[in-house]
Amino acid sequence: MIYEFFRWIGVIMGYPFKWLFFKNKTYYENDRAPRRVKGGALIITNHFNPLDYVMNVFVFFPRKLYVVASEHAFKNAPLRFGMKFWGGIQANRVTKNMRFIIESSRHIQAGHLVQIFPEGHNTDDGTIKAFYPSYILIAWKAKAPIVPVITDGNYGITKRVHLMVGEPIDLTDYLDAEKPSKEDVIRLNDMVRQKVLFLRQEIDRRIEADKQKGRK
């Protein structure tokens, strides 16, 4: 209960920062689709910097957005406390412990939203890098959809960041098996990444269309 209290305090205090540093415009792949994600789901996001998670906290507000983060976000007591009330799930890249897959899937099965960055690190040039496939195992184990949320990373006081929420991806539509093989995971990972690349191009297309119509 105390962690939830601090989460609400953090969100309330963060709203002025949001309007100052990342005024956003959110597009939807399907404009007629519901704006709210219901039930448990795995949110995947391309990765510029920690603001990507902060932005999505407000996109999915008031729902709590758990997040898979590296061991660096848990390296001392204050950080561990902060990650606790934000819903941090540790993925240790040193020990390569796979416990985060089980923990993430349990949260999703309980009806929560969990976010992961499939690239595993920040982009250094704005391009979308190769995906680590662990998120495929999380979604498959949780029997829940993957919801891609793509950003152009245009954060700043005088800027506007653009996001696109893609349609949910149900892996069972692409695989009829009790358990995915290594080859299945590779294929599904490639399929999802291609969808993400398409959405990244779609953001640029819609931004340009808005400019032509005099919209910001």
N, C-alpha and C. Protein backbone atom coordinates (compact mmCIF):
# COMPACT_ATOMS: atom_id res chain seq x y z
N MET A 1 0.83 -1.21 0.00
CA MET A 1 0.00 0.00 0.00
C MET A 1 0.87 1.26 0.00
N ILE A 2 1.96 1.25 0.78
CA ILE A 2 2.82 2.43 0.86
C ILE A 2 3.50 2.69 -0.49
N TYR A 3 3.83 1.62 -1.22
CA TYR A 3 4.46 1.81 -2.53
C TYR A 3 3.48 2.44 -3.51
N GLU A 4 2.22 2.06 -3.43
CA GLU A 4 1.21 2.64 -4.31
C GLU A 4 1.00 4.11 -3.98
N PHE A 5 1.07 4.45 -2.70
CA PHE A 5 0.95 5.85 -2.28
C PHE A 5 2.06 6.68 -2.90
N PHE A 6 3.31 6.19 -2.83
CA PHE A 6 4.43 6.93 -3.40
C PHE A 6 4.34 6.99 -4.93
N ARG A 7 3.77 5.97 -5.55
CA ARG A 7 3.60 6.02 -7.01
C ARG A 7 2.67 7.15 -7.40
N TRP A 8 1.55 7.30 -6.69
CA TRP A 8 0.61 8.37 -6.99
C TRP A 8 1.25 9.74 -6.74
N ILE A 9 2.03 9.85 -5.68
CA ILE A 9 2.74 11.11 -5.42
C ILE A 9 3.69 11.42 -6.57
N GLY A 10 4.41 10.39 -7.03
CA GLY A 10 5.35 10.58 -8.13
C GLY A 10 4.66 11.01 -9.41
N VAL A 11 3.51 10.40 -9.71
CA VAL A 11 2.77 10.76 -10.92
C VAL A 11 2.27 12.20 -10.83
N ILE A 12 1.70 12.56 -9.71
CA ILE A 12 1.16 13.93 -9.53
C ILE A 12 2.27 14.96 -9.67
N MET A 13 3.41 14.69 -9.00
CA MET A 13 4.53 15.63 -9.06
C MET A 13 5.18 15.64 -10.44
N GLY A 14 5.01 14.55 -11.18
CA GLY A 14 5.64 14.46 -12.48
C GLY A 14 4.89 15.15 -13.59
N TYR A 15 3.61 15.48 -13.37
CA TYR A 15 2.83 16.10 -14.44
C TYR A 15 3.41 17.43 -14.93
N PRO A 16 3.84 18.35 -14.06
CA PRO A 16 4.46 19.59 -14.57
C PRO A 16 5.71 19.31 -15.40
N PHE A 17 6.50 18.32 -14.98
CA PHE A 17 7.70 17.94 -15.72
C PHE A 17 7.32 17.40 -17.09
N LYS A 18 6.23 16.63 -17.14
CA LYS A 18 5.75 16.07 -18.41
C LYS A 18 5.39 17.19 -19.38
N TRP A 19 4.60 18.14 -18.95
CA TRP A 19 4.16 19.21 -19.85
C TRP A 19 5.32 20.11 -20.26
N LEU A 20 6.37 20.12 -19.45
CA LEU A 20 7.52 20.98 -19.78
C LEU A 20 8.48 20.29 -20.74
N PHE A 21 8.79 19.02 -20.49
CA PHE A 21 9.84 18.35 -21.24
C PHE A 21 9.35 17.37 -22.31
N PHE A 22 8.14 16.87 -22.19
CA PHE A 22 7.67 16.00 -23.26
C PHE A 22 6.17 16.13 -23.48
N LYS A 23 5.86 17.24 -24.15
CA LYS A 23 4.51 17.41 -24.67
C LYS A 23 4.34 16.37 -25.77
N ASN A 24 3.29 15.62 -25.72
CA ASN A 24 3.19 14.49 -26.64
C ASN A 24 1.95 14.55 -27.53
N LYS A 25 2.08 13.91 -28.67
CA LYS A 25 0.95 13.64 -29.54
C LYS A 25 0.94 12.14 -29.79
N THR A 26 -0.16 11.51 -29.47
CA THR A 26 -0.26 10.06 -29.59
C THR A 26 -1.14 9.68 -30.76
N TYR A 27 -0.57 8.88 -31.65
CA TYR A 27 -1.32 8.32 -32.77
C TYR A 27 -1.68 6.87 -32.44
N TYR A 28 -2.67 6.37 -33.13
CA TYR A 28 -3.06 4.97 -32.98
C TYR A 28 -3.05 4.32 -34.36
N GLU A 29 -2.46 3.14 -34.43
CA GLU A 29 -2.42 2.43 -35.71
C GLU A 29 -3.82 2.27 -36.27
N ASN A 30 -4.75 1.92 -35.41
CA ASN A 30 -6.15 1.82 -35.79
C ASN A 30 -6.91 2.90 -35.03
N ASP A 31 -7.29 3.96 -35.72
CA ASP A 31 -7.94 5.10 -35.06
C ASP A 31 -9.30 4.74 -34.45
N ARG A 32 -9.88 3.64 -34.90
CA ARG A 32 -11.18 3.23 -34.38
C ARG A 32 -11.07 2.24 -33.23
N ALA A 33 -9.85 1.85 -32.90
CA ALA A 33 -9.64 0.87 -31.81
C ALA A 33 -9.82 1.55 -30.45
N PRO A 34 -10.17 0.78 -29.41
CA PRO A 34 -10.28 1.35 -28.06
C PRO A 34 -8.97 1.99 -27.62
N ARG A 35 -9.08 3.09 -26.90
CA ARG A 35 -7.89 3.81 -26.46
C ARG A 35 -7.25 3.19 -25.22
N ARG A 36 -7.99 2.38 -24.50
CA ARG A 36 -7.49 1.77 -23.27
C ARG A 36 -7.18 0.30 -23.48
N VAL A 37 -6.03 -0.12 -22.97
CA VAL A 37 -5.68 -1.54 -23.00
C VAL A 37 -6.33 -2.20 -21.79
N LYS A 38 -7.12 -3.22 -22.05
CA LYS A 38 -7.82 -3.91 -20.97
C LYS A 38 -7.09 -5.20 -20.61
N GLY A 39 -7.09 -5.52 -19.33
CA GLY A 39 -6.48 -6.76 -18.88
C GLY A 39 -4.97 -6.71 -18.93
N GLY A 40 -4.35 -7.88 -18.77
CA GLY A 40 -2.90 -7.96 -18.78
C GLY A 40 -2.35 -7.88 -20.19
N ALA A 41 -1.20 -7.23 -20.34
CA ALA A 41 -0.57 -7.11 -21.65
C ALA A 41 0.90 -6.78 -21.45
N LEU A 42 1.69 -7.10 -22.48
CA LEU A 42 3.11 -6.76 -22.49
C LEU A 42 3.31 -5.59 -23.45
N ILE A 43 3.79 -4.47 -22.91
CA ILE A 43 4.05 -3.27 -23.71
C ILE A 43 5.51 -3.30 -24.14
N ILE A 44 5.77 -3.23 -25.44
CA ILE A 44 7.16 -3.14 -25.91
C ILE A 44 7.38 -1.76 -26.50
N THR A 45 8.56 -1.21 -26.26
CA THR A 45 8.86 0.16 -26.68
C THR A 45 10.28 0.26 -27.20
N ASN A 46 10.48 1.01 -28.29
CA ASN A 46 11.85 1.32 -28.71
C ASN A 46 12.46 2.24 -27.68
N HIS A 47 13.79 2.32 -27.66
CA HIS A 47 14.45 2.88 -26.47
C HIS A 47 15.46 3.97 -26.79
N PHE A 48 15.10 5.23 -26.44
CA PHE A 48 16.02 6.35 -26.54
C PHE A 48 16.71 6.62 -25.21
N ASN A 49 15.93 6.73 -24.14
CA ASN A 49 16.46 7.00 -22.80
C ASN A 49 15.36 6.70 -21.77
N PRO A 50 15.64 6.87 -20.47
CA PRO A 50 14.63 6.55 -19.45
C PRO A 50 13.31 7.30 -19.60
N LEU A 51 13.30 8.42 -20.34
CA LEU A 51 12.06 9.17 -20.53
C LEU A 51 11.02 8.35 -21.29
N ASP A 52 11.47 7.33 -22.02
CA ASP A 52 10.52 6.48 -22.75
C ASP A 52 9.54 5.82 -21.77
N TYR A 53 10.07 5.32 -20.66
CA TYR A 53 9.20 4.71 -19.66
C TYR A 53 8.33 5.77 -18.99
N VAL A 54 8.92 6.91 -18.64
CA VAL A 54 8.16 7.97 -17.98
C VAL A 54 7.00 8.41 -18.86
N MET A 55 7.27 8.55 -20.17
CA MET A 55 6.21 8.94 -21.09
C MET A 55 5.07 7.94 -21.09
N ASN A 56 5.41 6.66 -21.11
CA ASN A 56 4.37 5.63 -21.15
C ASN A 56 3.59 5.53 -19.84
N VAL A 57 4.21 5.92 -18.73
CA VAL A 57 3.47 5.97 -17.47
C VAL A 57 2.25 6.86 -17.62
N PHE A 58 2.41 7.98 -18.33
CA PHE A 58 1.29 8.90 -18.52
C PHE A 58 0.36 8.44 -19.64
N VAL A 59 0.91 7.75 -20.65
CA VAL A 59 0.07 7.24 -21.73
C VAL A 59 -0.95 6.24 -21.19
N PHE A 60 -0.52 5.40 -20.25
CA PHE A 60 -1.40 4.35 -19.73
C PHE A 60 -2.02 4.69 -18.38
N PHE A 61 -1.77 5.90 -17.88
CA PHE A 61 -2.37 6.35 -16.62
C PHE A 61 -3.90 6.28 -16.72
N PRO A 62 -4.60 5.83 -15.66
CA PRO A 62 -4.14 5.61 -14.29
C PRO A 62 -3.64 4.20 -14.00
N ARG A 63 -3.55 3.34 -15.00
CA ARG A 63 -3.06 2.00 -14.75
C ARG A 63 -1.58 2.02 -14.40
N LYS A 64 -1.17 1.16 -13.51
CA LYS A 64 0.23 1.05 -13.13
C LYS A 64 0.98 0.33 -14.24
N LEU A 65 2.15 0.85 -14.59
CA LEU A 65 2.96 0.26 -15.65
C LEU A 65 4.25 -0.31 -15.04
N TYR A 66 4.26 -1.62 -14.85
CA TYR A 66 5.48 -2.29 -14.39
C TYR A 66 6.52 -2.22 -15.50
N VAL A 67 7.79 -2.29 -15.14
CA VAL A 67 8.83 -2.16 -16.16
C VAL A 67 10.00 -3.10 -15.86
N VAL A 68 10.46 -3.77 -16.91
CA VAL A 68 11.67 -4.59 -16.81
C VAL A 68 12.86 -3.67 -17.01
N ALA A 69 13.77 -3.64 -16.02
CA ALA A 69 14.92 -2.74 -16.06
C ALA A 69 16.20 -3.52 -15.73
N SER A 70 17.32 -2.98 -16.17
CA SER A 70 18.61 -3.64 -15.93
C SER A 70 19.01 -3.53 -14.47
N GLU A 71 20.04 -4.28 -14.12
CA GLU A 71 20.53 -4.32 -12.73
C GLU A 71 21.01 -2.95 -12.26
N HIS A 72 21.37 -2.06 -13.19
CA HIS A 72 21.88 -0.73 -12.81
C HIS A 72 20.82 0.10 -12.09
N ALA A 73 19.55 -0.17 -12.40
CA ALA A 73 18.46 0.59 -11.77
C ALA A 73 18.19 0.12 -10.35
N PHE A 74 18.90 -0.91 -9.88
CA PHE A 74 18.69 -1.47 -8.55
C PHE A 74 19.97 -1.47 -7.73
N LYS A 75 20.98 -0.69 -8.13
CA LYS A 75 22.31 -0.85 -7.55
C LYS A 75 22.48 -0.28 -6.15
N ASN A 76 21.54 0.56 -5.68
CA ASN A 76 21.63 1.05 -4.30
C ASN A 76 20.24 1.15 -3.70
N ALA A 77 20.18 1.39 -2.38
CA ALA A 77 18.91 1.36 -1.66
C ALA A 77 17.89 2.38 -2.17
N PRO A 78 18.26 3.67 -2.40
CA PRO A 78 17.28 4.63 -2.90
C PRO A 78 16.70 4.23 -4.26
N LEU A 79 17.56 3.73 -5.16
CA LEU A 79 17.08 3.30 -6.47
C LEU A 79 16.16 2.09 -6.35
N ARG A 80 16.54 1.15 -5.49
CA ARG A 80 15.70 -0.04 -5.30
C ARG A 80 14.34 0.35 -4.76
N PHE A 81 14.30 1.33 -3.83
CA PHE A 81 13.03 1.78 -3.28
C PHE A 81 12.17 2.41 -4.38
N GLY A 82 12.80 3.26 -5.20
CA GLY A 82 12.07 3.90 -6.28
C GLY A 82 11.53 2.88 -7.28
N MET A 83 12.35 1.90 -7.63
CA MET A 83 11.90 0.88 -8.56
C MET A 83 10.78 0.05 -7.96
N LYS A 84 10.78 -0.07 -6.65
CA LYS A 84 9.74 -0.86 -5.99
C LYS A 84 8.37 -0.23 -6.19
N PHE A 85 8.26 1.08 -5.98
CA PHE A 85 6.92 1.67 -6.13
C PHE A 85 6.56 1.97 -7.58
N TRP A 86 7.56 2.05 -8.46
CA TRP A 86 7.21 2.19 -9.88
C TRP A 86 6.90 0.85 -10.52
N GLY A 87 7.27 -0.23 -9.83
CA GLY A 87 6.97 -1.55 -10.38
C GLY A 87 8.12 -2.13 -11.18
N GLY A 88 9.35 -1.91 -10.70
CA GLY A 88 10.53 -2.40 -11.41
C GLY A 88 10.70 -3.91 -11.29
N ILE A 89 11.04 -4.53 -12.39
CA ILE A 89 11.34 -5.96 -12.45
C ILE A 89 12.77 -6.09 -12.95
N GLN A 90 13.63 -6.66 -12.14
CA GLN A 90 15.06 -6.66 -12.47
C GLN A 90 15.43 -7.75 -13.48
N ALA A 91 16.12 -7.32 -14.53
CA ALA A 91 16.72 -8.25 -15.49
C ALA A 91 18.23 -8.05 -15.40
N ASN A 92 18.93 -9.00 -14.85
CA ASN A 92 20.37 -8.86 -14.62
C ASN A 92 21.15 -9.37 -15.83
N ARG A 93 21.80 -8.44 -16.53
CA ARG A 93 22.54 -8.82 -17.73
C ARG A 93 23.89 -9.44 -17.42
N VAL A 94 24.31 -9.35 -16.15
CA VAL A 94 25.58 -9.95 -15.75
C VAL A 94 25.39 -11.44 -15.44
N THR A 95 24.41 -11.73 -14.59
CA THR A 95 24.17 -13.12 -14.21
C THR A 95 23.31 -13.85 -15.23
N LYS A 96 22.62 -13.07 -16.10
CA LYS A 96 21.71 -13.63 -17.12
C LYS A 96 20.61 -14.50 -16.48
N ASN A 97 20.19 -14.08 -15.28
CA ASN A 97 19.10 -14.77 -14.58
C ASN A 97 17.79 -14.54 -15.33
N MET A 98 17.07 -15.63 -15.61
CA MET A 98 15.84 -15.53 -16.37
C MET A 98 14.60 -15.38 -15.48
N ARG A 99 14.80 -15.07 -14.21
CA ARG A 99 13.67 -14.94 -13.30
C ARG A 99 12.71 -13.84 -13.72
N PHE A 100 13.22 -12.81 -14.40
CA PHE A 100 12.36 -11.70 -14.81
C PHE A 100 11.27 -12.16 -15.78
N ILE A 101 11.53 -13.22 -16.53
CA ILE A 101 10.51 -13.74 -17.45
C ILE A 101 9.33 -14.29 -16.66
N ILE A 102 9.62 -15.05 -15.61
CA ILE A 102 8.56 -15.62 -14.76
C ILE A 102 7.83 -14.51 -14.02
N GLU A 103 8.59 -13.56 -13.44
CA GLU A 103 7.96 -12.48 -12.68
C GLU A 103 7.08 -11.60 -13.57
N SER A 104 7.57 -11.29 -14.76
CA SER A 104 6.79 -10.47 -15.68
C SER A 104 5.51 -11.17 -16.10
N SER A 105 5.61 -12.44 -16.44
CA SER A 105 4.43 -13.18 -16.90
C SER A 105 3.40 -13.30 -15.78
N ARG A 106 3.84 -13.44 -14.54
CA ARG A 106 2.90 -13.52 -13.41
C ARG A 106 2.15 -12.21 -13.24
N HIS A 107 2.84 -11.11 -13.39
CA HIS A 107 2.16 -9.80 -13.29
C HIS A 107 1.12 -9.66 -14.39
N ILE A 108 1.47 -10.07 -15.60
CA ILE A 108 0.54 -9.96 -16.71
C ILE A 108 -0.66 -10.87 -16.51
N GLN A 109 -0.41 -12.09 -16.03
CA GLN A 109 -1.50 -13.02 -15.76
C GLN A 109 -2.44 -12.49 -14.68
N ALA A 110 -1.90 -11.65 -13.80
CA ALA A 110 -2.71 -11.03 -12.75
C ALA A 110 -3.49 -9.82 -13.27
N GLY A 111 -3.36 -9.52 -14.57
CA GLY A 111 -4.10 -8.42 -15.16
C GLY A 111 -3.35 -7.11 -15.24
N HIS A 112 -2.03 -7.13 -15.00
CA HIS A 112 -1.24 -5.91 -14.99
C HIS A 112 -0.62 -5.64 -16.36
N LEU A 113 -0.12 -4.42 -16.51
CA LEU A 113 0.65 -4.03 -17.69
C LEU A 113 2.13 -4.07 -17.35
N VAL A 114 2.92 -4.71 -18.20
CA VAL A 114 4.37 -4.77 -18.02
C VAL A 114 5.03 -4.23 -19.27
N GLN A 115 6.01 -3.34 -19.09
CA GLN A 115 6.74 -2.80 -20.23
C GLN A 115 8.15 -3.37 -20.27
N ILE A 116 8.63 -3.64 -21.49
CA ILE A 116 10.01 -4.08 -21.67
C ILE A 116 10.57 -3.40 -22.92
N PHE A 117 11.88 -3.17 -22.91
CA PHE A 117 12.57 -2.61 -24.07
C PHE A 117 13.31 -3.75 -24.78
N PRO A 118 12.77 -4.27 -25.87
CA PRO A 118 13.40 -5.43 -26.52
C PRO A 118 14.83 -5.20 -27.00
N GLU A 119 15.18 -3.92 -27.28
CA GLU A 119 16.55 -3.64 -27.72
C GLU A 119 17.56 -3.85 -26.60
N GLY A 120 17.10 -3.73 -25.36
CA GLY A 120 17.98 -3.97 -24.21
C GLY A 120 18.89 -2.82 -23.84
N HIS A 121 18.94 -1.77 -24.65
CA HIS A 121 19.79 -0.62 -24.35
C HIS A 121 19.32 0.56 -25.19
N ASN A 122 19.83 1.75 -24.85
CA ASN A 122 19.44 2.96 -25.59
C ASN A 122 20.00 2.92 -27.01
N THR A 123 19.28 3.53 -27.93
CA THR A 123 19.81 3.69 -29.27
C THR A 123 20.82 4.83 -29.28
N ASP A 124 21.87 4.70 -30.07
CA ASP A 124 22.87 5.76 -30.14
C ASP A 124 22.72 6.64 -31.38
N ASP A 125 21.83 6.23 -32.28
CA ASP A 125 21.65 7.01 -33.51
C ASP A 125 20.18 7.13 -33.93
N GLY A 126 19.26 6.73 -33.05
CA GLY A 126 17.85 6.86 -33.34
C GLY A 126 17.24 5.68 -34.07
N THR A 127 18.08 4.78 -34.59
CA THR A 127 17.54 3.62 -35.30
C THR A 127 17.13 2.54 -34.32
N ILE A 128 16.24 1.67 -34.75
CA ILE A 128 15.77 0.57 -33.91
C ILE A 128 16.71 -0.62 -34.10
N LYS A 129 17.35 -1.04 -33.02
CA LYS A 129 18.35 -2.09 -33.07
C LYS A 129 17.70 -3.48 -33.05
N ALA A 130 18.55 -4.49 -33.05
CA ALA A 130 18.07 -5.87 -32.96
C ALA A 130 17.35 -6.09 -31.64
N PHE A 131 16.37 -6.98 -31.64
CA PHE A 131 15.59 -7.29 -30.44
C PHE A 131 16.12 -8.55 -29.76
N TYR A 132 16.25 -8.49 -28.44
CA TYR A 132 16.46 -9.71 -27.66
C TYR A 132 15.09 -10.40 -27.54
N PRO A 133 15.02 -11.71 -27.74
CA PRO A 133 13.71 -12.37 -27.85
C PRO A 133 13.04 -12.76 -26.54
N SER A 134 13.60 -12.36 -25.40
CA SER A 134 13.01 -12.77 -24.11
C SER A 134 11.56 -12.31 -23.96
N TYR A 135 11.21 -11.18 -24.59
CA TYR A 135 9.83 -10.67 -24.48
C TYR A 135 8.84 -11.63 -25.12
N ILE A 136 9.28 -12.36 -26.15
CA ILE A 136 8.42 -13.36 -26.78
C ILE A 136 8.04 -14.43 -25.76
N LEU A 137 9.01 -14.87 -24.97
CA LEU A 137 8.77 -15.89 -23.95
C LEU A 137 7.83 -15.39 -22.86
N ILE A 138 7.96 -14.10 -22.51
CA ILE A 138 7.07 -13.51 -21.50
C ILE A 138 5.63 -13.52 -21.99
N ALA A 139 5.42 -13.02 -23.20
CA ALA A 139 4.06 -12.94 -23.75
C ALA A 139 3.47 -14.33 -23.94
N TRP A 140 4.29 -15.26 -24.41
CA TRP A 140 3.79 -16.62 -24.63
C TRP A 140 3.42 -17.29 -23.31
N LYS A 141 4.29 -17.15 -22.32
CA LYS A 141 4.03 -17.76 -21.02
C LYS A 141 2.79 -17.15 -20.36
N ALA A 142 2.60 -15.83 -20.53
CA ALA A 142 1.47 -15.14 -19.93
C ALA A 142 0.18 -15.33 -20.72
N LYS A 143 0.30 -15.84 -21.95
CA LYS A 143 -0.86 -15.98 -22.84
C LYS A 143 -1.58 -14.63 -22.99
N ALA A 144 -0.78 -13.60 -23.27
CA ALA A 144 -1.30 -12.23 -23.33
C ALA A 144 -0.77 -11.54 -24.57
N PRO A 145 -1.45 -10.49 -25.03
CA PRO A 145 -1.01 -9.78 -26.23
C PRO A 145 0.21 -8.90 -26.00
N ILE A 146 0.93 -8.64 -27.08
CA ILE A 146 2.02 -7.67 -27.09
C ILE A 146 1.47 -6.39 -27.71
N VAL A 147 1.65 -5.27 -27.01
CA VAL A 147 1.19 -3.98 -27.52
C VAL A 147 2.42 -3.12 -27.82
N PRO A 148 2.74 -2.87 -29.09
CA PRO A 148 3.89 -2.03 -29.41
C PRO A 148 3.57 -0.55 -29.27
N VAL A 149 4.44 0.17 -28.59
CA VAL A 149 4.31 1.62 -28.45
C VAL A 149 5.62 2.23 -28.95
N ILE A 150 5.56 2.97 -30.03
CA ILE A 150 6.76 3.47 -30.68
C ILE A 150 6.84 4.99 -30.52
N THR A 151 8.04 5.50 -30.26
CA THR A 151 8.24 6.93 -30.08
C THR A 151 9.34 7.43 -31.01
N ASP A 152 9.29 8.72 -31.34
CA ASP A 152 10.37 9.31 -32.13
C ASP A 152 11.44 9.93 -31.23
N GLY A 153 11.25 9.86 -29.90
CA GLY A 153 12.27 10.33 -28.96
C GLY A 153 12.52 11.82 -28.99
N ASN A 154 11.58 12.60 -29.50
CA ASN A 154 11.78 14.05 -29.66
C ASN A 154 11.43 14.80 -28.38
N TYR A 155 12.19 14.53 -27.31
CA TYR A 155 11.94 15.14 -26.01
C TYR A 155 12.65 16.49 -25.91
N GLY A 156 12.03 17.42 -25.19
CA GLY A 156 12.66 18.71 -24.98
C GLY A 156 11.63 19.80 -24.72
N ILE A 157 12.07 20.90 -24.12
CA ILE A 157 11.16 21.97 -23.72
C ILE A 157 10.43 22.57 -24.92
N THR A 158 11.12 22.75 -26.04
CA THR A 158 10.50 23.39 -27.21
C THR A 158 10.07 22.35 -28.25
N LYS A 159 10.05 21.07 -27.88
CA LYS A 159 9.77 20.01 -28.84
C LYS A 159 8.45 19.31 -28.52
N ARG A 160 8.07 18.43 -29.41
CA ARG A 160 6.89 17.59 -29.19
C ARG A 160 7.27 16.16 -29.55
N VAL A 161 7.06 15.26 -28.60
CA VAL A 161 7.35 13.86 -28.86
C VAL A 161 6.11 13.18 -29.43
N HIS A 162 6.32 12.35 -30.43
CA HIS A 162 5.23 11.65 -31.08
C HIS A 162 5.30 10.17 -30.74
N LEU A 163 4.14 9.60 -30.45
CA LEU A 163 4.06 8.19 -30.13
C LEU A 163 3.01 7.53 -31.01
N MET A 164 3.18 6.24 -31.22
CA MET A 164 2.15 5.47 -31.91
C MET A 164 1.90 4.19 -31.12
N VAL A 165 0.63 3.96 -30.81
CA VAL A 165 0.22 2.73 -30.14
C VAL A 165 -0.30 1.77 -31.21
N GLY A 166 0.41 0.66 -31.36
CA GLY A 166 0.03 -0.30 -32.38
C GLY A 166 -1.08 -1.23 -31.90
N GLU A 167 -1.66 -1.92 -32.83
CA GLU A 167 -2.68 -2.91 -32.49
C GLU A 167 -2.03 -4.07 -31.75
N PRO A 168 -2.75 -4.66 -30.78
CA PRO A 168 -2.18 -5.79 -30.03
C PRO A 168 -1.80 -6.95 -30.96
N ILE A 169 -0.69 -7.59 -30.64
CA ILE A 169 -0.21 -8.74 -31.40
C ILE A 169 -0.41 -10.00 -30.55
N ASP A 170 -1.25 -10.89 -31.02
CA ASP A 170 -1.51 -12.15 -30.32
C ASP A 170 -0.65 -13.23 -30.98
N LEU A 171 0.35 -13.72 -30.24
CA LEU A 171 1.28 -14.68 -30.82
C LEU A 171 0.62 -15.98 -31.24
N THR A 172 -0.50 -16.32 -30.61
CA THR A 172 -1.19 -17.56 -30.97
C THR A 172 -1.78 -17.49 -32.38
N ASP A 173 -1.88 -16.29 -32.93
CA ASP A 173 -2.33 -16.16 -34.32
C ASP A 173 -1.25 -16.61 -35.31
N TYR A 174 -0.01 -16.70 -34.80
CA TYR A 174 1.12 -17.01 -35.67
C TYR A 174 1.80 -18.33 -35.33
N LEU A 175 1.31 -18.99 -34.29
CA LEU A 175 1.93 -20.25 -33.88
C LEU A 175 0.90 -21.13 -33.20
N ASP A 176 0.74 -22.32 -33.72
CA ASP A 176 -0.18 -23.29 -33.14
C ASP A 176 0.64 -24.42 -32.52
N ALA A 177 1.14 -24.17 -31.33
CA ALA A 177 1.97 -25.16 -30.64
C ALA A 177 1.85 -24.94 -29.15
N GLU A 178 2.10 -25.99 -28.39
CA GLU A 178 2.03 -25.87 -26.93
C GLU A 178 3.18 -25.04 -26.38
N LYS A 179 4.33 -25.19 -27.02
CA LYS A 179 5.52 -24.46 -26.58
C LYS A 179 6.34 -24.08 -27.81
N PRO A 180 6.75 -22.82 -27.94
CA PRO A 180 7.52 -22.42 -29.12
C PRO A 180 8.93 -23.00 -29.11
N SER A 181 9.39 -23.45 -30.25
CA SER A 181 10.75 -23.93 -30.37
C SER A 181 11.69 -22.73 -30.52
N LYS A 182 12.99 -22.97 -30.52
CA LYS A 182 13.96 -21.90 -30.71
C LYS A 182 13.73 -21.21 -32.05
N GLU A 183 13.42 -22.01 -33.08
CA GLU A 183 13.16 -21.45 -34.41
C GLU A 183 11.89 -20.62 -34.41
N ASP A 184 10.88 -21.06 -33.65
CA ASP A 184 9.64 -20.30 -33.54
C ASP A 184 9.88 -18.94 -32.91
N VAL A 185 10.68 -18.94 -31.83
CA VAL A 185 10.98 -17.69 -31.12
C VAL A 185 11.69 -16.72 -32.04
N ILE A 186 12.66 -17.22 -32.82
CA ILE A 186 13.39 -16.36 -33.76
C ILE A 186 12.44 -15.78 -34.81
N ARG A 187 11.55 -16.62 -35.32
CA ARG A 187 10.60 -16.17 -36.34
C ARG A 187 9.63 -15.13 -35.78
N LEU A 188 9.09 -15.39 -34.59
CA LEU A 188 8.15 -14.46 -33.98
C LEU A 188 8.83 -13.13 -33.63
N ASN A 189 10.06 -13.22 -33.15
CA ASN A 189 10.82 -12.02 -32.82
C ASN A 189 11.02 -11.16 -34.06
N ASP A 190 11.36 -11.79 -35.17
CA ASP A 190 11.56 -11.05 -36.42
C ASP A 190 10.25 -10.43 -36.90
N MET A 191 9.16 -11.18 -36.76
CA MET A 191 7.86 -10.68 -37.18
C MET A 191 7.45 -9.44 -36.39
N VAL A 192 7.64 -9.49 -35.07
CA VAL A 192 7.27 -8.35 -34.21
C VAL A 192 8.16 -7.15 -34.52
N ARG A 193 9.45 -7.39 -34.71
CA ARG A 193 10.35 -6.27 -35.01
C ARG A 193 9.98 -5.61 -36.33
N GLN A 194 9.60 -6.39 -37.32
CA GLN A 194 9.18 -5.82 -38.60
C GLN A 194 7.94 -4.95 -38.41
N LYS A 195 7.06 -5.36 -37.52
CA LYS A 195 5.87 -4.57 -37.22
C LYS A 195 6.28 -3.25 -36.57
N VAL A 196 7.23 -3.31 -35.67
CA VAL A 196 7.72 -2.10 -35.00
C VAL A 196 8.37 -1.15 -36.00
N LEU A 197 9.15 -1.69 -36.93
CA LEU A 197 9.77 -0.85 -37.96
C LEU A 197 8.72 -0.17 -38.83
N PHE A 198 7.67 -0.90 -39.14
CA PHE A 198 6.56 -0.32 -39.91
C PHE A 198 5.91 0.83 -39.14
N LEU A 199 5.68 0.63 -37.84
CA LEU A 199 5.05 1.68 -37.03
C LEU A 199 5.94 2.91 -36.93
N ARG A 200 7.25 2.69 -36.88
CA ARG A 200 8.17 3.83 -36.83
C ARG A 200 8.06 4.65 -38.10
N GLN A 201 7.95 3.99 -39.25
CA GLN A 201 7.76 4.70 -40.51
C GLN A 201 6.39 5.38 -40.56
N GLU A 202 5.41 4.73 -39.97
CA GLU A 202 4.05 5.27 -39.96
C GLU A 202 3.97 6.56 -39.16
N ILE A 203 4.73 6.64 -38.07
CA ILE A 203 4.79 7.90 -37.30
C ILE A 203 5.27 9.02 -38.20
N ASP A 204 6.37 8.80 -38.92
CA ASP A 204 6.91 9.83 -39.80
C ASP A 204 5.89 10.25 -40.86
N ARG A 205 5.16 9.27 -41.40
CA ARG A 205 4.16 9.57 -42.42
C ARG A 205 3.05 10.45 -41.87
N ARG A 206 2.59 10.13 -40.67
CA ARG A 206 1.49 10.90 -40.09
C ARG A 206 1.94 12.28 -39.64
N ILE A 207 3.18 12.39 -39.16
CA ILE A 207 3.71 13.70 -38.80
C ILE A 207 3.75 14.60 -40.03
N GLU A 208 4.22 14.05 -41.14
CA GLU A 208 4.31 14.82 -42.39
C GLU A 208 2.92 15.20 -42.87
N ALA A 209 1.96 14.29 -42.74
CA ALA A 209 0.57 14.59 -43.15
C ALA A 209 0.01 15.72 -42.30
N ASP A 210 0.31 15.71 -41.01
CA ASP A 210 -0.15 16.78 -40.13
C ASP A 210 0.46 18.12 -40.52
N LYS A 211 1.74 18.10 -40.88
CA LYS A 211 2.41 19.34 -41.29
C LYS A 211 1.75 19.91 -42.54
N GLN A 212 1.40 19.04 -43.47
CA GLN A 212 0.76 19.49 -44.70
C GLN A 212 -0.59 20.15 -44.42
N LYS A 213 -1.24 19.71 -43.33
CA LYS A 213 -2.55 20.27 -42.96
C LYS A 213 -2.41 21.40 -41.95
N GLY A 214 -1.18 21.79 -41.61
CA GLY A 214 -0.96 22.87 -40.67
C GLY A 214 -1.19 22.50 -39.24
N ARG A 215 -1.11 21.19 -38.95
CA ARG A 215 -1.29 20.73 -37.56
C ARG A 215 0.07 20.50 -36.92
N LYS A 216 0.09 20.63 -35.59
CA LYS A 216 1.32 20.36 -34.85
C LYS A 216 1.32 18.93 -34.36
